[in-house]
Amino acid sequence: MQAVGWKYYILFVVCNFTNALFFWAFLPETKKLPLEEMNYLFTHAPWIVPGTDRAQYTADYEGDLERRAREFSEKNAMTANHEEVVR
């Protein structure tokens, strides 16, 4: 380390810079998205993310979440009705 001196840290600077460019260019933003939407997000996002409209590759999670909640409650209602019939 002493023979190389400060020049060794240029490697870390280059690695950090290239990693920052990679994350900025290729990985879509996941802030405030539920975990259930990650599969949809990463399968529908374009290869190069900057410059694209986020609405094109994110699901309508608010409407979708309401739809799933409605399906869940309907499924529970059907299960409860089935249990009453069995008794």
C-alpha atoms as a PDB file:
ATOM      1  CA  MET A   1       0.000   0.000   0.000  1.00  0.00           C
ATOM      2  CA  GLN A   2       2.778   2.440   0.846  1.00  0.00           C
ATOM      3  CA  ALA A   3       4.506   1.950  -2.504  1.00  0.00           C
ATOM      4  CA  VAL A   4       1.298   2.733  -4.427  1.00  0.00           C
ATOM      5  CA  GLY A   5       0.266   5.616  -2.166  1.00  0.00           C
ATOM      6  CA  TRP A   6      -2.747   7.753  -3.035  1.00  0.00           C
ATOM      7  CA  LYS A   7      -3.005   6.342  -6.570  1.00  0.00           C
ATOM      8  CA  TYR A   8      -4.609   3.169  -5.222  1.00  0.00           C
ATOM      9  CA  TYR A   9      -7.717   5.146  -4.236  1.00  0.00           C
ATOM     10  CA  ILE A  10      -8.313   6.102  -7.850  1.00  0.00           C
ATOM     11  CA  LEU A  11      -9.545   2.513  -8.282  1.00  0.00           C
ATOM     12  CA  PHE A  12     -12.272   3.118  -5.676  1.00  0.00           C
ATOM     13  CA  VAL A  13     -13.250   6.422  -7.267  1.00  0.00           C
ATOM     14  CA  VAL A  14     -13.602   4.778 -10.679  1.00  0.00           C
ATOM     15  CA  CYS A  15     -15.617   1.863  -9.252  1.00  0.00           C
ATOM     16  CA  ASN A  16     -17.976   4.171  -7.361  1.00  0.00           C
ATOM     17  CA  PHE A  17     -18.488   6.375 -10.406  1.00  0.00           C
ATOM     18  CA  THR A  18     -19.266   3.453 -12.731  1.00  0.00           C
ATOM     19  CA  ASN A  19     -21.631   1.938 -10.165  1.00  0.00           C
ATOM     20  CA  ALA A  20     -23.449   5.248  -9.801  1.00  0.00           C
ATOM     21  CA  LEU A  21     -23.879   5.478 -13.577  1.00  0.00           C
ATOM     22  CA  PHE A  22     -25.157   1.905 -13.739  1.00  0.00           C
ATOM     23  CA  PHE A  23     -27.765   2.420 -11.016  1.00  0.00           C
ATOM     24  CA  TRP A  24     -28.901   5.725 -12.522  1.00  0.00           C
ATOM     25  CA  ALA A  25     -29.208   4.385 -16.070  1.00  0.00           C
ATOM     26  CA  PHE A  26     -30.480   0.827 -15.713  1.00  0.00           C
ATOM     27  CA  LEU A  27     -32.436   0.434 -12.465  1.00  0.00           C
ATOM     28  CA  PRO A  28     -35.885   2.002 -12.093  1.00  0.00           C
ATOM     29  CA  GLU A  29     -36.873   3.971  -9.004  1.00  0.00           C
ATOM     30  CA  THR A  30     -38.619   1.839  -6.369  1.00  0.00           C
ATOM     31  CA  LYS A  31     -39.429   4.560  -3.850  1.00  0.00           C
ATOM     32  CA  LYS A  32     -42.963   4.356  -2.398  1.00  0.00           C
ATOM     33  CA  LEU A  33     -43.835   1.219  -4.356  1.00  0.00           C
ATOM     34  CA  PRO A  34     -45.227  -1.817  -2.536  1.00  0.00           C
ATOM     35  CA  LEU A  35     -43.249  -5.029  -2.579  1.00  0.00           C
ATOM     36  CA  GLU A  36     -45.984  -6.737  -4.590  1.00  0.00           C
ATOM     37  CA  GLU A  37     -45.290  -4.411  -7.537  1.00  0.00           C
ATOM     38  CA  MET A  38     -41.553  -5.140  -7.830  1.00  0.00           C
ATOM     39  CA  ASN A  39     -41.990  -8.079 -10.222  1.00  0.00           C
ATOM     40  CA  TYR A  40     -44.168  -5.991 -12.545  1.00  0.00           C
ATOM     41  CA  LEU A  41     -41.778  -3.052 -12.315  1.00  0.00           C
ATOM     42  CA  PHE A  42     -38.633  -4.979 -13.189  1.00  0.00           C
ATOM     43  CA  THR A  43     -40.281  -6.975 -15.987  1.00  0.00           C
ATOM     44  CA  HIS A  44     -41.833  -3.934 -17.701  1.00  0.00           C
ATOM     45  CA  ALA A  45     -39.143  -1.281 -17.204  1.00  0.00           C
ATOM     46  CA  PRO A  46     -37.118  -0.304 -20.278  1.00  0.00           C
ATOM     47  CA  TRP A  47     -33.399  -1.125 -20.552  1.00  0.00           C
ATOM     48  CA  ILE A  48     -32.431   2.546 -20.255  1.00  0.00           C
ATOM     49  CA  VAL A  49     -34.594   4.236 -17.618  1.00  0.00           C
ATOM     50  CA  PRO A  50     -33.697   7.976 -17.820  1.00  0.00           C
ATOM     51  CA  GLY A  51     -35.848   9.933 -20.242  1.00  0.00           C
ATOM     52  CA  THR A  52     -38.819   7.556 -20.096  1.00  0.00           C
ATOM     53  CA  ASP A  53     -42.171   8.242 -18.505  1.00  0.00           C
ATOM     54  CA  ARG A  54     -42.504   6.311 -15.269  1.00  0.00           C
ATOM     55  CA  ALA A  55     -46.237   5.815 -15.824  1.00  0.00           C
ATOM     56  CA  GLN A  56     -45.468   3.600 -18.831  1.00  0.00           C
ATOM     57  CA  TYR A  57     -43.799   0.876 -16.784  1.00  0.00           C
ATOM     58  CA  THR A  58     -45.425   1.124 -13.344  1.00  0.00           C
ATOM     59  CA  ALA A  59     -48.700  -0.577 -12.574  1.00  0.00           C
ATOM     60  CA  ASP A  60     -51.740   1.317 -11.418  1.00  0.00           C
ATOM     61  CA  TYR A  61     -51.126   0.079  -7.898  1.00  0.00           C
ATOM     62  CA  GLU A  62     -53.782   2.238  -6.272  1.00  0.00           C
ATOM     63  CA  GLY A  63     -56.545   0.908  -8.522  1.00  0.00           C
ATOM     64  CA  ASP A  64     -54.986  -2.540  -8.570  1.00  0.00           C
ATOM     65  CA  LEU A  65     -54.749  -2.607  -4.794  1.00  0.00           C
ATOM     66  CA  GLU A  66     -58.433  -1.750  -4.471  1.00  0.00           C
ATOM     67  CA  ARG A  67     -59.311  -4.477  -6.984  1.00  0.00           C
ATOM     68  CA  ARG A  68     -57.256  -7.050  -5.065  1.00  0.00           C
ATOM     69  CA  ALA A  69     -58.856  -6.033  -1.768  1.00  0.00           C
ATOM     70  CA  ARG A  70     -62.300  -6.440  -3.319  1.00  0.00           C
ATOM     71  CA  GLU A  71     -61.369  -9.895  -4.687  1.00  0.00           C
ATOM     72  CA  PHE A  72     -60.006 -10.899  -1.289  1.00  0.00           C
ATOM     73  CA  SER A  73     -63.188  -9.852   0.508  1.00  0.00           C
ATOM     74  CA  GLU A  74     -65.323 -11.657  -2.086  1.00  0.00           C
ATOM     75  CA  LYS A  75     -63.219 -14.786  -1.669  1.00  0.00           C
ATOM     76  CA  ASN A  76     -63.612 -14.621   2.118  1.00  0.00           C
ATOM     77  CA  ALA A  77     -67.363 -14.146   1.734  1.00  0.00           C
ATOM     78  CA  MET A  78     -67.568 -17.187  -0.544  1.00  0.00           C
ATOM     79  CA  THR A  79     -65.517 -19.240   1.927  1.00  0.00           C
ATOM     80  CA  ALA A  80     -67.770 -18.185   4.799  1.00  0.00           C
ATOM     81  CA  ASN A  81     -70.889 -19.096   2.765  1.00  0.00           C
ATOM     82  CA  HIS A  82     -69.370 -22.463   1.890  1.00  0.00           C
ATOM     83  CA  GLU A  83     -68.625 -23.187   5.560  1.00  0.00           C
ATOM     84  CA  GLU A  84     -72.226 -22.349   6.511  1.00  0.00           C
ATOM     85  CA  VAL A  85     -73.536 -24.741   3.844  1.00  0.00           C
ATOM     86  CA  VAL A  86     -71.250 -27.538   5.043  1.00  0.00           C
ATOM     87  CA  ARG A  87     -72.511 -27.204   8.646  1.00  0.00           C
END
